[in-house]
Amino acid sequence: MPKVLVCDQIETDKLALGTGFDVDYRPTISREELLRVVGGYDGLIVRSRTKVDREVVDRATRLKLIARPGTGLDNIDVDYATARGVKVLNSPESLVEAVSEHVTLLMLAVSRKLVAADQSTKGGRWEKSSLVGRELKGKTLGIVGLGRIGRRIGELARALGMTIVVYDVIEIPAGVLESLQARVVGLDELFSSADFVTLHVPLTDDTRHMVDAGRLSAMKKGTVIVNTSRGGVIDERALAAALVEGRIGGAALDVFETEPPRGVILSAPNVLLTPHIGGQTEEAQVDATAAIGEKVRTFFGGS
């Protein structure tokens, strides 16, 4: 019977591993305790709180699987675990709708100055003339990374009357482009031509600070950039400077170089910040947990 340690808060009933597993649910386990006990487990299920680095993998002498509900694997040393024969699984398919809706919400909120309007009205002011926004219809959306989430955002954007341009390092099937009526462009052309840019790439050496001062200076003055992927793909200092100087129209960030965020991005104008909640819907959390439970059962040969 596989012995599985659940290290973070998860609805174990939705995980549904069943009687074929010995599940130890310890959602507040400390790192010190994890290092002490991890050698006794075949499987490890974590969320973002628990860091599974080389030291943890080295102590996990019988570990066969690390599973993470949802998308991100930044807290897991995937390459080292794989090299040690440990399989790493996640369930990114479960967050597609939640993140896609959040991106659409952020674009609308920045365009219509929603936060400023809310604060102004609650403050007893009635500032209609200073809260003129922009519609999404007729604007160009640049999608960097056309995976599951990028494609769904494209569908929602098309329904709102937007034109789609896309960039990806992986060849995009012709049928997908046709369904979105999208055009593939180079990365520089995307940043210089789009009215809105949304990022959907992993954080790698190639994507770190993909959005730097140079790319920001090439964008149109009114462009809005949205990031729900990984914070490090944007140079936050450069973004804050571009916002202060009015070189772009606005930004909306759900992810940050350091979480919780700190520094100049917190005081920059025309930026909407949310605390990494792109996938935080009731439906997505249930789906992510259920999906990873099914993958764990399959991995260990369960039904």
C-alpha atoms as a PDB file:
ATOM      1  CA  MET A   1       0.000   0.000   0.000  1.00  0.00           C
ATOM      2  CA  PRO A   2       1.605   3.319  -1.107  1.00  0.00           C
ATOM      3  CA  LYS A   3       2.191   5.754   1.708  1.00  0.00           C
ATOM      4  CA  VAL A   4       1.451   9.377   0.721  1.00  0.00           C
ATOM      5  CA  LEU A   5       2.226  12.574   2.611  1.00  0.00           C
ATOM      6  CA  VAL A   6      -0.002  15.587   1.915  1.00  0.00           C
ATOM      7  CA  CYS A   7       1.988  18.651   2.986  1.00  0.00           C
ATOM      8  CA  ASP A   8      -0.346  21.544   2.262  1.00  0.00           C
ATOM      9  CA  GLN A   9      -4.030  22.419   2.595  1.00  0.00           C
ATOM     10  CA  ILE A  10      -6.046  20.193   0.270  1.00  0.00           C
ATOM     11  CA  GLU A  11      -9.585  18.875   0.506  1.00  0.00           C
ATOM     12  CA  THR A  12      -8.620  15.249   0.929  1.00  0.00           C
ATOM     13  CA  ASP A  13     -12.151  14.048   0.219  1.00  0.00           C
ATOM     14  CA  LYS A  14     -11.831  15.602  -3.264  1.00  0.00           C
ATOM     15  CA  LEU A  15      -8.430  13.943  -3.627  1.00  0.00           C
ATOM     16  CA  ALA A  16     -10.290  10.641  -3.266  1.00  0.00           C
ATOM     17  CA  LEU A  17      -7.293   8.316  -3.090  1.00  0.00           C
ATOM     18  CA  GLY A  18      -9.421   5.664  -1.421  1.00  0.00           C
ATOM     19  CA  THR A  19      -8.578   2.716   0.778  1.00  0.00           C
ATOM     20  CA  GLY A  20      -5.668   1.605  -1.393  1.00  0.00           C
ATOM     21  CA  PHE A  21      -3.472   4.354   0.026  1.00  0.00           C
ATOM     22  CA  ASP A  22      -2.092   5.199   3.439  1.00  0.00           C
ATOM     23  CA  VAL A  23      -2.554   9.000   3.471  1.00  0.00           C
ATOM     24  CA  ASP A  24      -0.906  11.196   6.091  1.00  0.00           C
ATOM     25  CA  TYR A  25      -2.460  14.679   5.984  1.00  0.00           C
ATOM     26  CA  ARG A  26      -0.153  17.258   7.587  1.00  0.00           C
ATOM     27  CA  PRO A  27      -0.994  20.639   6.012  1.00  0.00           C
ATOM     28  CA  THR A  28       1.126  22.720   8.392  1.00  0.00           C
ATOM     29  CA  ILE A  29       4.192  20.479   8.520  1.00  0.00           C
ATOM     30  CA  SER A  30       7.411  22.447   9.043  1.00  0.00           C
ATOM     31  CA  ARG A  31      10.428  22.065   6.790  1.00  0.00           C
ATOM     32  CA  GLU A  32      12.420  20.564   9.634  1.00  0.00           C
ATOM     33  CA  GLU A  33       9.764  17.932  10.273  1.00  0.00           C
ATOM     34  CA  LEU A  34       9.385  17.248   6.552  1.00  0.00           C
ATOM     35  CA  LEU A  35      13.103  16.568   6.258  1.00  0.00           C
ATOM     36  CA  ARG A  36      12.890  14.230   9.230  1.00  0.00           C
ATOM     37  CA  VAL A  37       9.953  12.108   8.005  1.00  0.00           C
ATOM     38  CA  VAL A  38       9.925  12.309   4.195  1.00  0.00           C
ATOM     39  CA  GLY A  39      12.074   9.199   3.863  1.00  0.00           C
ATOM     40  CA  GLY A  40       9.097   7.089   4.925  1.00  0.00           C
ATOM     41  CA  TYR A  41       6.813   8.008   2.010  1.00  0.00           C
ATOM     42  CA  ASP A  42       6.248   6.797  -1.547  1.00  0.00           C
ATOM     43  CA  GLY A  43       4.326   9.885  -2.658  1.00  0.00           C
ATOM     44  CA  LEU A  44       4.347  13.571  -1.795  1.00  0.00           C
ATOM     45  CA  ILE A  45       1.463  15.943  -2.565  1.00  0.00           C
ATOM     46  CA  VAL A  46       2.218  19.652  -2.200  1.00  0.00           C
ATOM     47  CA  ARG A  47       0.880  23.042  -3.146  1.00  0.00           C
ATOM     48  CA  SER A  48       2.954  26.232  -3.266  1.00  0.00           C
ATOM     49  CA  ARG A  49       3.828  26.438   0.457  1.00  0.00           C
ATOM     50  CA  THR A  50       6.124  23.420   0.579  1.00  0.00           C
ATOM     51  CA  LYS A  51       9.489  23.674  -1.159  1.00  0.00           C
ATOM     52  CA  VAL A  52      10.712  20.384  -2.572  1.00  0.00           C
ATOM     53  CA  ASP A  53      14.355  21.129  -3.260  1.00  0.00           C
ATOM     54  CA  ARG A  54      17.424  18.881  -3.532  1.00  0.00           C
ATOM     55  CA  GLU A  55      17.705  18.456   0.218  1.00  0.00           C
ATOM     56  CA  VAL A  56      14.136  17.175   0.475  1.00  0.00           C
ATOM     57  CA  VAL A  57      14.578  14.838  -2.508  1.00  0.00           C
ATOM     58  CA  ASP A  58      17.824  13.470  -1.057  1.00  0.00           C
ATOM     59  CA  ARG A  59      16.081  12.677   2.238  1.00  0.00           C
ATOM     60  CA  ALA A  60      13.145  11.003   0.416  1.00  0.00           C
ATOM     61  CA  THR A  61      14.888   7.698  -0.119  1.00  0.00           C
ATOM     62  CA  ARG A  62      11.772   5.723  -1.136  1.00  0.00           C
ATOM     63  CA  LEU A  63       9.921   8.523  -2.904  1.00  0.00           C
ATOM     64  CA  LYS A  64       8.485   7.697  -6.327  1.00  0.00           C
ATOM     65  CA  LEU A  65       6.095  10.592  -7.005  1.00  0.00           C
ATOM     66  CA  ILE A  66       5.690  14.311  -6.294  1.00  0.00           C
ATOM     67  CA  ALA A  67       2.253  15.662  -7.218  1.00  0.00           C
ATOM     68  CA  ARG A  68       1.102  19.283  -7.317  1.00  0.00           C
ATOM     69  CA  PRO A  69      -2.567  20.227  -7.872  1.00  0.00           C
ATOM     70  CA  GLY A  70      -2.734  23.063 -10.378  1.00  0.00           C
ATOM     71  CA  THR A  71      -0.149  24.549 -12.710  1.00  0.00           C
ATOM     72  CA  GLY A  72       2.984  25.845 -11.022  1.00  0.00           C
ATOM     73  CA  LEU A  73       6.045  23.717 -10.313  1.00  0.00           C
ATOM     74  CA  ASP A  74       8.374  26.537  -9.277  1.00  0.00           C
ATOM     75  CA  ASN A  75       8.595  25.193  -5.721  1.00  0.00           C
ATOM     76  CA  ILE A  76       9.788  21.777  -6.938  1.00  0.00           C
ATOM     77  CA  ASP A  77      13.265  21.000  -8.312  1.00  0.00           C
ATOM     78  CA  VAL A  78      11.792  19.028 -11.199  1.00  0.00           C
ATOM     79  CA  ASP A  79      15.078  18.318 -12.976  1.00  0.00           C
ATOM     80  CA  TYR A  80      16.777  16.977  -9.852  1.00  0.00           C
ATOM     81  CA  ALA A  81      13.782  14.892  -8.809  1.00  0.00           C
ATOM     82  CA  THR A  82      13.511  13.419 -12.299  1.00  0.00           C
ATOM     83  CA  ALA A  83      17.238  12.633 -12.334  1.00  0.00           C
ATOM     84  CA  ARG A  84      16.751  10.750  -9.065  1.00  0.00           C
ATOM     85  CA  GLY A  85      13.934   8.701 -10.592  1.00  0.00           C
ATOM     86  CA  VAL A  86      11.069  10.594  -8.984  1.00  0.00           C
ATOM     87  CA  LYS A  87       8.092  11.396 -11.223  1.00  0.00           C
ATOM     88  CA  VAL A  88       6.629  14.923 -10.976  1.00  0.00           C
ATOM     89  CA  LEU A  89       2.976  15.504 -11.944  1.00  0.00           C
ATOM     90  CA  ASN A  90       0.610  18.475 -11.891  1.00  0.00           C
ATOM     91  CA  SER A  91      -2.878  19.250 -13.200  1.00  0.00           C
ATOM     92  CA  PRO A  92      -2.689  22.467 -15.257  1.00  0.00           C
ATOM     93  CA  GLU A  93      -5.793  21.584 -17.256  1.00  0.00           C
ATOM     94  CA  SER A  94      -7.971  22.249 -14.221  1.00  0.00           C
ATOM     95  CA  LEU A  95      -7.226  25.987 -14.001  1.00  0.00           C
ATOM     96  CA  VAL A  96      -7.863  27.001 -17.605  1.00  0.00           C
ATOM     97  CA  GLU A  97     -11.288  28.578 -17.156  1.00  0.00           C
ATOM     98  CA  ALA A  98     -10.463  30.343 -13.888  1.00  0.00           C
ATOM     99  CA  VAL A  99      -7.249  31.942 -15.150  1.00  0.00           C
ATOM    100  CA  SER A 100      -8.750  32.847 -18.520  1.00  0.00           C
ATOM    101  CA  GLU A 101     -11.680  34.605 -16.869  1.00  0.00           C
ATOM    102  CA  HIS A 102      -9.286  36.407 -14.511  1.00  0.00           C
ATOM    103  CA  VAL A 103      -7.215  37.716 -17.424  1.00  0.00           C
ATOM    104  CA  THR A 104     -10.359  38.979 -19.142  1.00  0.00           C
ATOM    105  CA  LEU A 105     -11.485  40.603 -15.888  1.00  0.00           C
ATOM    106  CA  LEU A 106      -8.123  42.341 -15.465  1.00  0.00           C
ATOM    107  CA  MET A 107      -8.195  43.731 -18.998  1.00  0.00           C
ATOM    108  CA  LEU A 108     -11.692  45.095 -18.451  1.00  0.00           C
ATOM    109  CA  ALA A 109     -10.908  46.466 -14.999  1.00  0.00           C
ATOM    110  CA  VAL A 110      -7.835  48.385 -16.153  1.00  0.00           C
ATOM    111  CA  SER A 111      -9.556  49.620 -19.311  1.00  0.00           C
ATOM    112  CA  ARG A 112     -12.577  50.918 -17.424  1.00  0.00           C
ATOM    113  CA  LYS A 113     -10.573  52.273 -14.430  1.00  0.00           C
ATOM    114  CA  LEU A 114     -12.687  50.092 -12.187  1.00  0.00           C
ATOM    115  CA  VAL A 115     -10.602  50.328  -9.020  1.00  0.00           C
ATOM    116  CA  ALA A 116     -10.326  54.119  -9.223  1.00  0.00           C
ATOM    117  CA  ALA A 117     -14.063  54.384  -9.875  1.00  0.00           C
ATOM    118  CA  ASP A 118     -14.865  52.223  -6.863  1.00  0.00           C
ATOM    119  CA  GLN A 119     -12.556  54.161  -4.544  1.00  0.00           C
ATOM    120  CA  SER A 120     -13.817  57.506  -5.814  1.00  0.00           C
ATOM    121  CA  THR A 121     -17.478  56.634  -5.359  1.00  0.00           C
ATOM    122  CA  LYS A 122     -16.917  55.188  -1.881  1.00  0.00           C
ATOM    123  CA  GLY A 123     -15.057  58.371  -1.021  1.00  0.00           C
ATOM    124  CA  GLY A 124     -18.158  60.446  -1.729  1.00  0.00           C
ATOM    125  CA  ARG A 125     -16.997  61.772  -5.095  1.00  0.00           C
ATOM    126  CA  TRP A 126     -18.766  61.623  -8.457  1.00  0.00           C
ATOM    127  CA  GLU A 127     -15.930  61.867 -10.978  1.00  0.00           C
ATOM    128  CA  LYS A 128     -17.480  60.701 -14.244  1.00  0.00           C
ATOM    129  CA  SER A 129     -15.439  63.017 -16.457  1.00  0.00           C
ATOM    130  CA  SER A 130     -12.091  61.701 -15.180  1.00  0.00           C
ATOM    131  CA  LEU A 131     -13.093  58.047 -15.462  1.00  0.00           C
ATOM    132  CA  VAL A 132     -13.494  57.685 -19.205  1.00  0.00           C
ATOM    133  CA  GLY A 133     -12.351  54.209 -20.174  1.00  0.00           C
ATOM    134  CA  ARG A 134     -11.723  52.225 -23.339  1.00  0.00           C
ATOM    135  CA  GLU A 135     -13.641  49.310 -24.859  1.00  0.00           C
ATOM    136  CA  LEU A 136     -11.990  46.013 -25.765  1.00  0.00           C
ATOM    137  CA  LYS A 137     -13.979  45.681 -28.967  1.00  0.00           C
ATOM    138  CA  GLY A 138     -11.880  46.499 -31.995  1.00  0.00           C
ATOM    139  CA  LYS A 139      -8.588  46.343 -30.099  1.00  0.00           C
ATOM    140  CA  THR A 140      -5.702  43.949 -30.786  1.00  0.00           C
ATOM    141  CA  LEU A 141      -4.786  41.381 -28.131  1.00  0.00           C
ATOM    142  CA  GLY A 142      -1.293  39.908 -28.222  1.00  0.00           C
ATOM    143  CA  ILE A 143      -1.091  36.469 -26.595  1.00  0.00           C
ATOM    144  CA  VAL A 144       2.412  35.290 -25.699  1.00  0.00           C
ATOM    145  CA  GLY A 145       2.144  31.513 -25.314  1.00  0.00           C
ATOM    146  CA  LEU A 146      -0.837  29.798 -26.898  1.00  0.00           C
ATOM    147  CA  GLY A 147      -1.297  26.816 -24.609  1.00  0.00           C
ATOM    148  CA  ARG A 148      -4.596  25.824 -23.019  1.00  0.00           C
ATOM    149  CA  ILE A 149      -5.033  29.128 -21.202  1.00  0.00           C
ATOM    150  CA  GLY A 150      -3.863  31.270 -24.102  1.00  0.00           C
ATOM    151  CA  ARG A 151      -6.322  29.559 -26.426  1.00  0.00           C
ATOM    152  CA  ARG A 152      -9.243  30.012 -24.051  1.00  0.00           C
ATOM    153  CA  ILE A 153      -8.397  33.682 -23.595  1.00  0.00           C
ATOM    154  CA  GLY A 154      -8.349  33.987 -27.357  1.00  0.00           C
ATOM    155  CA  GLU A 155     -11.859  32.537 -27.519  1.00  0.00           C
ATOM    156  CA  LEU A 156     -13.144  34.993 -24.920  1.00  0.00           C
ATOM    157  CA  ALA A 157     -11.390  37.887 -26.632  1.00  0.00           C
ATOM    158  CA  ARG A 158     -12.895  36.983 -29.987  1.00  0.00           C
ATOM    159  CA  ALA A 159     -16.348  36.977 -28.375  1.00  0.00           C
ATOM    160  CA  LEU A 160     -15.611  40.539 -27.231  1.00  0.00           C
ATOM    161  CA  GLY A 161     -14.708  41.597 -30.761  1.00  0.00           C
ATOM    162  CA  MET A 162     -10.921  41.707 -30.391  1.00  0.00           C
ATOM    163  CA  THR A 163      -8.342  40.900 -33.059  1.00  0.00           C
ATOM    164  CA  ILE A 164      -5.775  38.261 -32.023  1.00  0.00           C
ATOM    165  CA  VAL A 165      -2.039  38.099 -32.708  1.00  0.00           C
ATOM    166  CA  VAL A 166       0.022  35.325 -31.119  1.00  0.00           C
ATOM    167  CA  TYR A 167       3.576  34.250 -30.459  1.00  0.00           C
ATOM    168  CA  ASP A 168       4.832  30.877 -29.296  1.00  0.00           C
ATOM    169  CA  VAL A 169       8.105  28.978 -29.521  1.00  0.00           C
ATOM    170  CA  ILE A 170       6.067  25.873 -30.362  1.00  0.00           C
ATOM    171  CA  GLU A 171       4.360  25.554 -33.740  1.00  0.00           C
ATOM    172  CA  ILE A 172       0.664  26.312 -33.420  1.00  0.00           C
ATOM    173  CA  PRO A 173      -1.751  24.009 -35.277  1.00  0.00           C
ATOM    174  CA  ALA A 174      -3.420  25.676 -38.251  1.00  0.00           C
ATOM    175  CA  GLY A 175      -6.839  24.666 -36.953  1.00  0.00           C
ATOM    176  CA  VAL A 176      -6.294  26.566 -33.709  1.00  0.00           C
ATOM    177  CA  LEU A 177      -5.238  29.710 -35.547  1.00  0.00           C
ATOM    178  CA  GLU A 178      -8.223  29.415 -37.860  1.00  0.00           C
ATOM    179  CA  SER A 179     -10.678  28.986 -34.992  1.00  0.00           C
ATOM    180  CA  LEU A 180      -9.345  32.144 -33.304  1.00  0.00           C
ATOM    181  CA  GLN A 181      -8.855  33.996 -36.593  1.00  0.00           C
ATOM    182  CA  ALA A 182      -5.407  34.677 -35.166  1.00  0.00           C
ATOM    183  CA  ARG A 183      -2.159  35.665 -36.853  1.00  0.00           C
ATOM    184  CA  VAL A 184       1.288  34.462 -35.770  1.00  0.00           C
ATOM    185  CA  VAL A 185       3.836  37.271 -35.444  1.00  0.00           C
ATOM    186  CA  GLY A 186       7.318  37.722 -34.065  1.00  0.00           C
ATOM    187  CA  LEU A 187       7.679  38.703 -30.432  1.00  0.00           C
ATOM    188  CA  ASP A 188       8.877  42.220 -31.225  1.00  0.00           C
ATOM    189  CA  GLU A 189       5.985  42.807 -33.628  1.00  0.00           C
ATOM    190  CA  LEU A 190       3.507  41.553 -31.050  1.00  0.00           C
ATOM    191  CA  PHE A 191       4.722  43.984 -28.408  1.00  0.00           C
ATOM    192  CA  SER A 192       4.800  46.928 -30.800  1.00  0.00           C
ATOM    193  CA  SER A 193       1.402  46.333 -32.422  1.00  0.00           C
ATOM    194  CA  ALA A 194      -0.923  45.075 -29.669  1.00  0.00           C
ATOM    195  CA  ASP A 195      -3.246  47.217 -27.576  1.00  0.00           C
ATOM    196  CA  PHE A 196      -3.274  44.526 -24.878  1.00  0.00           C
ATOM    197  CA  VAL A 197      -0.599  41.915 -24.149  1.00  0.00           C
ATOM    198  CA  THR A 198      -1.147  38.849 -21.970  1.00  0.00           C
ATOM    199  CA  LEU A 199       1.705  36.543 -20.956  1.00  0.00           C
ATOM    200  CA  HIS A 200       1.418  32.757 -20.648  1.00  0.00           C
ATOM    201  CA  VAL A 201       4.923  31.332 -20.493  1.00  0.00           C
ATOM    202  CA  PRO A 202       6.928  29.372 -17.917  1.00  0.00           C
ATOM    203  CA  LEU A 203       9.773  31.064 -16.074  1.00  0.00           C
ATOM    204  CA  THR A 204      13.039  29.917 -17.664  1.00  0.00           C
ATOM    205  CA  ASP A 205      16.421  31.455 -18.396  1.00  0.00           C
ATOM    206  CA  ASP A 206      15.013  32.481 -21.793  1.00  0.00           C
ATOM    207  CA  THR A 207      11.826  34.088 -20.444  1.00  0.00           C
ATOM    208  CA  ARG A 208      13.206  35.807 -17.337  1.00  0.00           C
ATOM    209  CA  HIS A 209      12.699  39.558 -17.824  1.00  0.00           C
ATOM    210  CA  MET A 210      11.282  38.906 -21.287  1.00  0.00           C
ATOM    211  CA  VAL A 211       9.433  42.176 -20.709  1.00  0.00           C
ATOM    212  CA  ASP A 212      12.283  44.590 -20.038  1.00  0.00           C
ATOM    213  CA  ALA A 213      12.824  48.302 -20.572  1.00  0.00           C
ATOM    214  CA  GLY A 214      13.479  47.768 -24.268  1.00  0.00           C
ATOM    215  CA  ARG A 215      10.272  45.868 -24.916  1.00  0.00           C
ATOM    216  CA  LEU A 216       8.250  48.307 -22.820  1.00  0.00           C
ATOM    217  CA  SER A 217       9.625  51.267 -24.782  1.00  0.00           C
ATOM    218  CA  ALA A 218       8.560  49.572 -28.032  1.00  0.00           C
ATOM    219  CA  MET A 219       4.930  49.268 -26.928  1.00  0.00           C
ATOM    220  CA  LYS A 220       2.262  51.754 -27.942  1.00  0.00           C
ATOM    221  CA  LYS A 221       1.565  54.468 -25.375  1.00  0.00           C
ATOM    222  CA  GLY A 222      -1.868  53.168 -24.450  1.00  0.00           C
ATOM    223  CA  THR A 223      -0.995  49.463 -24.290  1.00  0.00           C
ATOM    224  CA  VAL A 224      -2.049  47.440 -21.243  1.00  0.00           C
ATOM    225  CA  ILE A 225       0.047  44.423 -20.200  1.00  0.00           C
ATOM    226  CA  VAL A 226      -1.383  41.560 -18.126  1.00  0.00           C
ATOM    227  CA  ASN A 227       0.668  38.864 -16.403  1.00  0.00           C
ATOM    228  CA  THR A 228      -0.820  35.797 -14.723  1.00  0.00           C
ATOM    229  CA  SER A 229       2.010  33.416 -15.623  1.00  0.00           C
ATOM    230  CA  ARG A 230       5.167  33.952 -13.563  1.00  0.00           C
ATOM    231  CA  GLY A 231       6.359  37.184 -11.996  1.00  0.00           C
ATOM    232  CA  GLY A 232       9.938  36.938 -13.207  1.00  0.00           C
ATOM    233  CA  VAL A 233       9.019  37.286 -16.862  1.00  0.00           C
ATOM    234  CA  ILE A 234       8.530  41.022 -16.268  1.00  0.00           C
ATOM    235  CA  ASP A 235      11.219  43.363 -14.968  1.00  0.00           C
ATOM    236  CA  GLU A 236       9.070  45.080 -12.334  1.00  0.00           C
ATOM    237  CA  ARG A 237      11.395  48.061 -11.950  1.00  0.00           C
ATOM    238  CA  ALA A 238      11.285  48.700 -15.690  1.00  0.00           C
ATOM    239  CA  LEU A 239       7.506  48.284 -15.695  1.00  0.00           C
ATOM    240  CA  ALA A 240       7.073  50.718 -12.801  1.00  0.00           C
ATOM    241  CA  ALA A 241       9.256  53.269 -14.599  1.00  0.00           C
ATOM    242  CA  ALA A 242       7.213  52.897 -17.801  1.00  0.00           C
ATOM    243  CA  LEU A 243       3.996  53.454 -15.848  1.00  0.00           C
ATOM    244  CA  VAL A 244       5.353  56.485 -13.978  1.00  0.00           C
ATOM    245  CA  GLU A 245       6.541  58.037 -17.240  1.00  0.00           C
ATOM    246  CA  GLY A 246       3.243  57.236 -18.988  1.00  0.00           C
ATOM    247  CA  ARG A 247       4.966  55.218 -21.719  1.00  0.00           C
ATOM    248  CA  ILE A 248       2.263  52.511 -21.548  1.00  0.00           C
ATOM    249  CA  GLY A 249      -1.403  52.684 -20.643  1.00  0.00           C
ATOM    250  CA  GLY A 250      -1.490  50.345 -17.671  1.00  0.00           C
ATOM    251  CA  ALA A 251      -0.710  46.931 -16.253  1.00  0.00           C
ATOM    252  CA  ALA A 252      -2.398  44.173 -14.273  1.00  0.00           C
ATOM    253  CA  LEU A 253      -0.310  41.648 -12.374  1.00  0.00           C
ATOM    254  CA  ASP A 254      -1.387  38.522 -10.524  1.00  0.00           C
ATOM    255  CA  VAL A 255       2.176  37.210 -10.113  1.00  0.00           C
ATOM    256  CA  PHE A 256       5.346  38.913  -8.928  1.00  0.00           C
ATOM    257  CA  GLU A 257       9.107  38.534  -8.822  1.00  0.00           C
ATOM    258  CA  THR A 258       8.797  38.256  -5.035  1.00  0.00           C
ATOM    259  CA  GLU A 259       5.529  37.160  -3.436  1.00  0.00           C
ATOM    260  CA  PRO A 260       4.072  39.015  -1.623  1.00  0.00           C
ATOM    261  CA  PRO A 261       5.304  41.882  -3.828  1.00  0.00           C
ATOM    262  CA  ARG A 262       7.376  44.763  -2.577  1.00  0.00           C
ATOM    263  CA  GLY A 263       9.191  47.735  -3.984  1.00  0.00           C
ATOM    264  CA  VAL A 264       8.334  50.275  -6.650  1.00  0.00           C
ATOM    265  CA  ILE A 265       5.570  48.267  -8.326  1.00  0.00           C
ATOM    266  CA  LEU A 266       3.323  48.831  -5.288  1.00  0.00           C
ATOM    267  CA  SER A 267       3.249  52.605  -5.798  1.00  0.00           C
ATOM    268  CA  ALA A 268       3.244  52.715  -9.602  1.00  0.00           C
ATOM    269  CA  PRO A 269       0.244  54.421 -11.257  1.00  0.00           C
ATOM    270  CA  ASN A 270      -2.311  52.643 -13.449  1.00  0.00           C
ATOM    271  CA  VAL A 271      -1.428  49.188 -12.179  1.00  0.00           C
ATOM    272  CA  LEU A 272      -3.898  46.676 -10.759  1.00  0.00           C
ATOM    273  CA  LEU A 273      -2.403  44.026  -8.460  1.00  0.00           C
ATOM    274  CA  THR A 274      -4.016  40.790  -7.269  1.00  0.00           C
ATOM    275  CA  PRO A 275      -2.451  38.218  -4.888  1.00  0.00           C
ATOM    276  CA  HIS A 276      -1.841  35.273  -7.242  1.00  0.00           C
ATOM    277  CA  ILE A 277      -5.525  34.351  -7.396  1.00  0.00           C
ATOM    278  CA  GLY A 278      -5.879  33.531 -11.081  1.00  0.00           C
ATOM    279  CA  GLY A 279      -6.767  29.934 -10.270  1.00  0.00           C
ATOM    280  CA  GLN A 280      -8.570  30.672  -7.010  1.00  0.00           C
ATOM    281  CA  THR A 281     -12.139  29.719  -7.806  1.00  0.00           C
ATOM    282  CA  GLU A 282     -14.151  27.096  -5.972  1.00  0.00           C
ATOM    283  CA  GLU A 283     -14.573  25.133  -9.183  1.00  0.00           C
ATOM    284  CA  ALA A 284     -10.898  25.217 -10.176  1.00  0.00           C
ATOM    285  CA  GLN A 285      -9.664  24.149  -6.747  1.00  0.00           C
ATOM    286  CA  VAL A 286     -12.007  21.166  -6.688  1.00  0.00           C
ATOM    287  CA  ASP A 287     -11.070  20.213 -10.251  1.00  0.00           C
ATOM    288  CA  ALA A 288      -7.324  20.564  -9.589  1.00  0.00           C
ATOM    289  CA  THR A 289      -7.473  18.332  -6.525  1.00  0.00           C
ATOM    290  CA  ALA A 290      -9.666  15.730  -8.188  1.00  0.00           C
ATOM    291  CA  ALA A 291      -7.447  15.662 -11.274  1.00  0.00           C
ATOM    292  CA  ILE A 292      -4.250  15.169  -9.298  1.00  0.00           C
ATOM    293  CA  GLY A 293      -5.917  12.471  -7.208  1.00  0.00           C
ATOM    294  CA  GLU A 294      -6.770  10.559 -10.371  1.00  0.00           C
ATOM    295  CA  LYS A 295      -3.192  10.911 -11.633  1.00  0.00           C
ATOM    296  CA  VAL A 296      -1.768   9.663  -8.330  1.00  0.00           C
ATOM    297  CA  ARG A 297      -4.077   6.640  -8.392  1.00  0.00           C
ATOM    298  CA  THR A 298      -3.099   5.872 -11.973  1.00  0.00           C
ATOM    299  CA  PHE A 299       0.617   6.239 -11.245  1.00  0.00           C
ATOM    300  CA  PHE A 300       0.500   3.734  -8.402  1.00  0.00           C
ATOM    301  CA  GLY A 301      -1.707   1.357 -10.370  1.00  0.00           C
ATOM    302  CA  GLY A 302      -4.934   2.110  -8.504  1.00  0.00           C
ATOM    303  CA  SER A 303      -8.404   2.353 -10.014  1.00  0.00           C
END
